[in-house]
Amino acid sequence: MKIFLLTIGGLFILVILYTLIMARRMKKTPAEADNENIKILTDQSFDSQIKNGLTLVDFWAPWCMPCKMMIPVLNELSKDESHGAKIAKLNVDENQKTSAKYGVRGIPTSIIFKNGKEIKRFVGVKPTQFFVKQIKSI
């Protein structure tokens, strides 16, 4: 019985160590570069950038792994303008005023604005076609 408990305990410790090592590696994974068509927003520029037309804003942070997973999706959306929306990003760590104003508690959060008003909100990683469908439905 003691050998069984020691074996289970050892396996448990190995799983924890492996998880910690992988988490550290994932945090150090460099993010893909943003496409030049993606607008980088700040607390100061936010309202003026979303006031006209459709804008999809990604609320993100550099330490957030799911946020890094959204970069290729946003890049693809920003390359294809046929959906009719501007694509923008707001770093929640550097722009806490705007994040608080819109009640962003989990990231990544994506909000579609039409003429400065929030129309739709999504939390988590979503595929490109999901956003295209949501934008075109407005």
C-alpha atoms as a PDB file:
ATOM      1  CA  MET A   1       0.000   0.000   0.000  1.00  0.00           C
ATOM      2  CA  LYS A   2       2.872   2.386   0.821  1.00  0.00           C
ATOM      3  CA  ILE A   3       4.503   1.753  -2.554  1.00  0.00           C
ATOM      4  CA  PHE A   4       1.232   2.502  -4.323  1.00  0.00           C
ATOM      5  CA  LEU A   5       0.809   5.814  -2.444  1.00  0.00           C
ATOM      6  CA  LEU A   6       4.429   6.777  -3.120  1.00  0.00           C
ATOM      7  CA  THR A   7       3.980   6.005  -6.824  1.00  0.00           C
ATOM      8  CA  ILE A   8       0.782   8.053  -7.043  1.00  0.00           C
ATOM      9  CA  GLY A   9       2.399  10.912  -5.110  1.00  0.00           C
ATOM     10  CA  GLY A  10       5.433  10.854  -7.402  1.00  0.00           C
ATOM     11  CA  LEU A  11       3.263  10.905 -10.518  1.00  0.00           C
ATOM     12  CA  PHE A  12       1.247  13.778  -9.102  1.00  0.00           C
ATOM     13  CA  ILE A  13       4.417  15.806  -8.474  1.00  0.00           C
ATOM     14  CA  LEU A  14       5.667  15.068 -12.008  1.00  0.00           C
ATOM     15  CA  VAL A  15       2.361  16.247 -13.530  1.00  0.00           C
ATOM     16  CA  ILE A  16       2.522  19.485 -11.517  1.00  0.00           C
ATOM     17  CA  LEU A  17       6.140  20.124 -12.542  1.00  0.00           C
ATOM     18  CA  TYR A  18       5.352  19.421 -16.204  1.00  0.00           C
ATOM     19  CA  THR A  19       2.366  21.797 -16.069  1.00  0.00           C
ATOM     20  CA  LEU A  20       4.458  24.578 -14.527  1.00  0.00           C
ATOM     21  CA  ILE A  21       7.235  24.156 -17.100  1.00  0.00           C
ATOM     22  CA  MET A  22       4.784  24.199 -20.024  1.00  0.00           C
ATOM     23  CA  ALA A  23       2.970  27.255 -18.640  1.00  0.00           C
ATOM     24  CA  ARG A  24       6.278  29.125 -18.368  1.00  0.00           C
ATOM     25  CA  ARG A  25       7.189  28.191 -21.953  1.00  0.00           C
ATOM     26  CA  MET A  26       3.801  29.305 -23.257  1.00  0.00           C
ATOM     27  CA  LYS A  27       4.115  32.711 -21.581  1.00  0.00           C
ATOM     28  CA  LYS A  28       7.489  33.222 -23.257  1.00  0.00           C
ATOM     29  CA  THR A  29       6.142  32.303 -26.706  1.00  0.00           C
ATOM     30  CA  PRO A  30       6.547  35.350 -28.924  1.00  0.00           C
ATOM     31  CA  ALA A  31       3.342  36.669 -30.371  1.00  0.00           C
ATOM     32  CA  GLU A  32       2.815  36.991 -34.102  1.00  0.00           C
ATOM     33  CA  ALA A  33       3.180  40.598 -35.270  1.00  0.00           C
ATOM     34  CA  ASP A  34       0.024  42.647 -35.800  1.00  0.00           C
ATOM     35  CA  ASN A  35      -1.003  43.451 -39.357  1.00  0.00           C
ATOM     36  CA  GLU A  36      -0.446  47.091 -40.280  1.00  0.00           C
ATOM     37  CA  ASN A  37      -4.203  47.527 -40.868  1.00  0.00           C
ATOM     38  CA  ILE A  38      -5.015  46.876 -37.203  1.00  0.00           C
ATOM     39  CA  LYS A  39      -5.515  50.118 -35.299  1.00  0.00           C
ATOM     40  CA  ILE A  40      -3.858  50.242 -31.881  1.00  0.00           C
ATOM     41  CA  LEU A  41      -6.157  52.134 -29.523  1.00  0.00           C
ATOM     42  CA  THR A  42      -5.495  53.972 -26.272  1.00  0.00           C
ATOM     43  CA  ASP A  43      -7.715  55.565 -23.651  1.00  0.00           C
ATOM     44  CA  GLN A  44      -7.175  58.870 -25.446  1.00  0.00           C
ATOM     45  CA  SER A  45      -7.890  57.682 -29.001  1.00  0.00           C
ATOM     46  CA  PHE A  46     -10.625  55.129 -28.299  1.00  0.00           C
ATOM     47  CA  ASP A  47     -13.778  57.238 -28.704  1.00  0.00           C
ATOM     48  CA  SER A  48     -12.588  59.043 -31.832  1.00  0.00           C
ATOM     49  CA  GLN A  49     -11.572  55.770 -33.531  1.00  0.00           C
ATOM     50  CA  ILE A  50     -14.876  53.938 -32.937  1.00  0.00           C
ATOM     51  CA  LYS A  51     -17.314  56.802 -33.472  1.00  0.00           C
ATOM     52  CA  ASN A  52     -17.906  56.192 -37.214  1.00  0.00           C
ATOM     53  CA  GLY A  53     -18.902  52.930 -38.884  1.00  0.00           C
ATOM     54  CA  LEU A  54     -18.315  49.398 -37.638  1.00  0.00           C
ATOM     55  CA  THR A  55     -15.279  48.628 -35.503  1.00  0.00           C
ATOM     56  CA  LEU A  56     -14.290  45.312 -33.967  1.00  0.00           C
ATOM     57  CA  VAL A  57     -12.159  45.991 -30.885  1.00  0.00           C
ATOM     58  CA  ASP A  58     -10.096  43.245 -29.273  1.00  0.00           C
ATOM     59  CA  PHE A  59      -9.408  43.871 -25.568  1.00  0.00           C
ATOM     60  CA  TRP A  60      -6.189  41.994 -24.777  1.00  0.00           C
ATOM     61  CA  ALA A  61      -2.985  41.822 -22.698  1.00  0.00           C
ATOM     62  CA  PRO A  62       0.525  40.746 -23.715  1.00  0.00           C
ATOM     63  CA  TRP A  63       0.746  38.027 -21.024  1.00  0.00           C
ATOM     64  CA  CYS A  64      -2.541  36.373 -22.081  1.00  0.00           C
ATOM     65  CA  MET A  65      -2.021  33.190 -24.129  1.00  0.00           C
ATOM     66  CA  PRO A  66      -5.578  33.124 -25.577  1.00  0.00           C
ATOM     67  CA  CYS A  67      -5.006  36.751 -26.627  1.00  0.00           C
ATOM     68  CA  LYS A  68      -1.924  35.633 -28.555  1.00  0.00           C
ATOM     69  CA  MET A  69      -4.102  33.014 -30.239  1.00  0.00           C
ATOM     70  CA  MET A  70      -6.385  35.823 -31.481  1.00  0.00           C
ATOM     71  CA  ILE A  71      -3.601  37.614 -33.369  1.00  0.00           C
ATOM     72  CA  PRO A  72      -3.808  35.464 -36.551  1.00  0.00           C
ATOM     73  CA  VAL A  73      -7.604  35.839 -36.530  1.00  0.00           C
ATOM     74  CA  LEU A  74      -7.377  39.632 -36.261  1.00  0.00           C
ATOM     75  CA  ASN A  75      -4.654  39.756 -38.906  1.00  0.00           C
ATOM     76  CA  GLU A  76      -6.821  37.796 -41.326  1.00  0.00           C
ATOM     77  CA  LEU A  77      -9.833  40.025 -40.606  1.00  0.00           C
ATOM     78  CA  SER A  78      -7.783  43.181 -41.135  1.00  0.00           C
ATOM     79  CA  LYS A  79      -6.474  41.994 -44.518  1.00  0.00           C
ATOM     80  CA  ASP A  80      -9.975  41.435 -45.900  1.00  0.00           C
ATOM     81  CA  GLU A  81     -12.025  44.624 -45.793  1.00  0.00           C
ATOM     82  CA  SER A  82     -15.051  43.138 -47.590  1.00  0.00           C
ATOM     83  CA  HIS A  83     -16.838  42.615 -44.262  1.00  0.00           C
ATOM     84  CA  GLY A  84     -16.931  46.394 -43.779  1.00  0.00           C
ATOM     85  CA  ALA A  85     -15.463  46.747 -40.275  1.00  0.00           C
ATOM     86  CA  LYS A  86     -12.286  48.328 -38.962  1.00  0.00           C
ATOM     87  CA  ILE A  87     -10.198  46.048 -36.744  1.00  0.00           C
ATOM     88  CA  ALA A  88      -8.630  47.491 -33.597  1.00  0.00           C
ATOM     89  CA  LYS A  89      -6.928  46.401 -30.369  1.00  0.00           C
ATOM     90  CA  LEU A  90      -6.776  47.851 -26.860  1.00  0.00           C
ATOM     91  CA  ASN A  91      -4.210  46.690 -24.306  1.00  0.00           C
ATOM     92  CA  VAL A  92      -6.187  46.404 -21.037  1.00  0.00           C
ATOM     93  CA  ASP A  93      -3.074  46.723 -18.856  1.00  0.00           C
ATOM     94  CA  GLU A  94      -2.100  50.059 -20.387  1.00  0.00           C
ATOM     95  CA  ASN A  95      -5.642  51.404 -20.887  1.00  0.00           C
ATOM     96  CA  GLN A  96      -7.563  50.551 -17.744  1.00  0.00           C
ATOM     97  CA  LYS A  97      -9.965  53.483 -17.973  1.00  0.00           C
ATOM     98  CA  THR A  98     -11.571  52.272 -21.213  1.00  0.00           C
ATOM     99  CA  SER A  99     -11.490  48.638 -20.098  1.00  0.00           C
ATOM    100  CA  ALA A 100     -13.354  49.570 -16.923  1.00  0.00           C
ATOM    101  CA  LYS A 101     -15.806  51.783 -18.830  1.00  0.00           C
ATOM    102  CA  TYR A 102     -16.905  48.781 -20.918  1.00  0.00           C
ATOM    103  CA  GLY A 103     -16.778  46.308 -18.017  1.00  0.00           C
ATOM    104  CA  VAL A 104     -14.119  44.075 -19.537  1.00  0.00           C
ATOM    105  CA  ARG A 105     -13.356  41.452 -16.901  1.00  0.00           C
ATOM    106  CA  GLY A 106     -12.105  38.527 -18.972  1.00  0.00           C
ATOM    107  CA  ILE A 107      -9.759  38.589 -21.931  1.00  0.00           C
ATOM    108  CA  PRO A 108      -9.737  38.282 -24.800  1.00  0.00           C
ATOM    109  CA  THR A 109     -12.993  40.191 -25.121  1.00  0.00           C
ATOM    110  CA  SER A 110     -14.076  41.367 -28.564  1.00  0.00           C
ATOM    111  CA  ILE A 111     -16.702  44.075 -28.925  1.00  0.00           C
ATOM    112  CA  ILE A 112     -18.309  45.258 -32.155  1.00  0.00           C
ATOM    113  CA  PHE A 113     -19.149  48.960 -32.095  1.00  0.00           C
ATOM    114  CA  LYS A 114     -21.408  50.733 -34.576  1.00  0.00           C
ATOM    115  CA  ASN A 115     -21.044  54.522 -34.631  1.00  0.00           C
ATOM    116  CA  GLY A 116     -19.591  54.445 -31.108  1.00  0.00           C
ATOM    117  CA  LYS A 117     -22.230  52.199 -29.542  1.00  0.00           C
ATOM    118  CA  GLU A 118     -21.656  48.625 -28.413  1.00  0.00           C
ATOM    119  CA  ILE A 119     -23.611  46.187 -30.589  1.00  0.00           C
ATOM    120  CA  LYS A 120     -22.203  42.734 -29.755  1.00  0.00           C
ATOM    121  CA  ARG A 121     -19.713  41.294 -27.256  1.00  0.00           C
ATOM    122  CA  PHE A 122     -17.780  38.014 -27.297  1.00  0.00           C
ATOM    123  CA  VAL A 123     -15.418  36.563 -24.697  1.00  0.00           C
ATOM    124  CA  GLY A 124     -12.734  34.054 -25.629  1.00  0.00           C
ATOM    125  CA  VAL A 125     -11.006  32.966 -28.804  1.00  0.00           C
ATOM    126  CA  LYS A 126     -13.249  32.769 -31.864  1.00  0.00           C
ATOM    127  CA  PRO A 127     -12.423  31.810 -35.471  1.00  0.00           C
ATOM    128  CA  THR A 128     -12.247  34.303 -38.315  1.00  0.00           C
ATOM    129  CA  GLN A 129     -15.473  33.139 -39.960  1.00  0.00           C
ATOM    130  CA  PHE A 130     -17.360  33.616 -36.692  1.00  0.00           C
ATOM    131  CA  PHE A 131     -16.438  37.323 -36.676  1.00  0.00           C
ATOM    132  CA  VAL A 132     -17.168  37.729 -40.391  1.00  0.00           C
ATOM    133  CA  LYS A 133     -20.645  36.255 -39.847  1.00  0.00           C
ATOM    134  CA  GLN A 134     -21.285  38.483 -36.805  1.00  0.00           C
ATOM    135  CA  ILE A 135     -20.132  41.649 -38.597  1.00  0.00           C
ATOM    136  CA  LYS A 136     -22.182  40.917 -41.718  1.00  0.00           C
ATOM    137  CA  SER A 137     -25.299  40.284 -39.611  1.00  0.00           C
ATOM    138  CA  ILE A 138     -25.300  43.914 -38.424  1.00  0.00           C
END
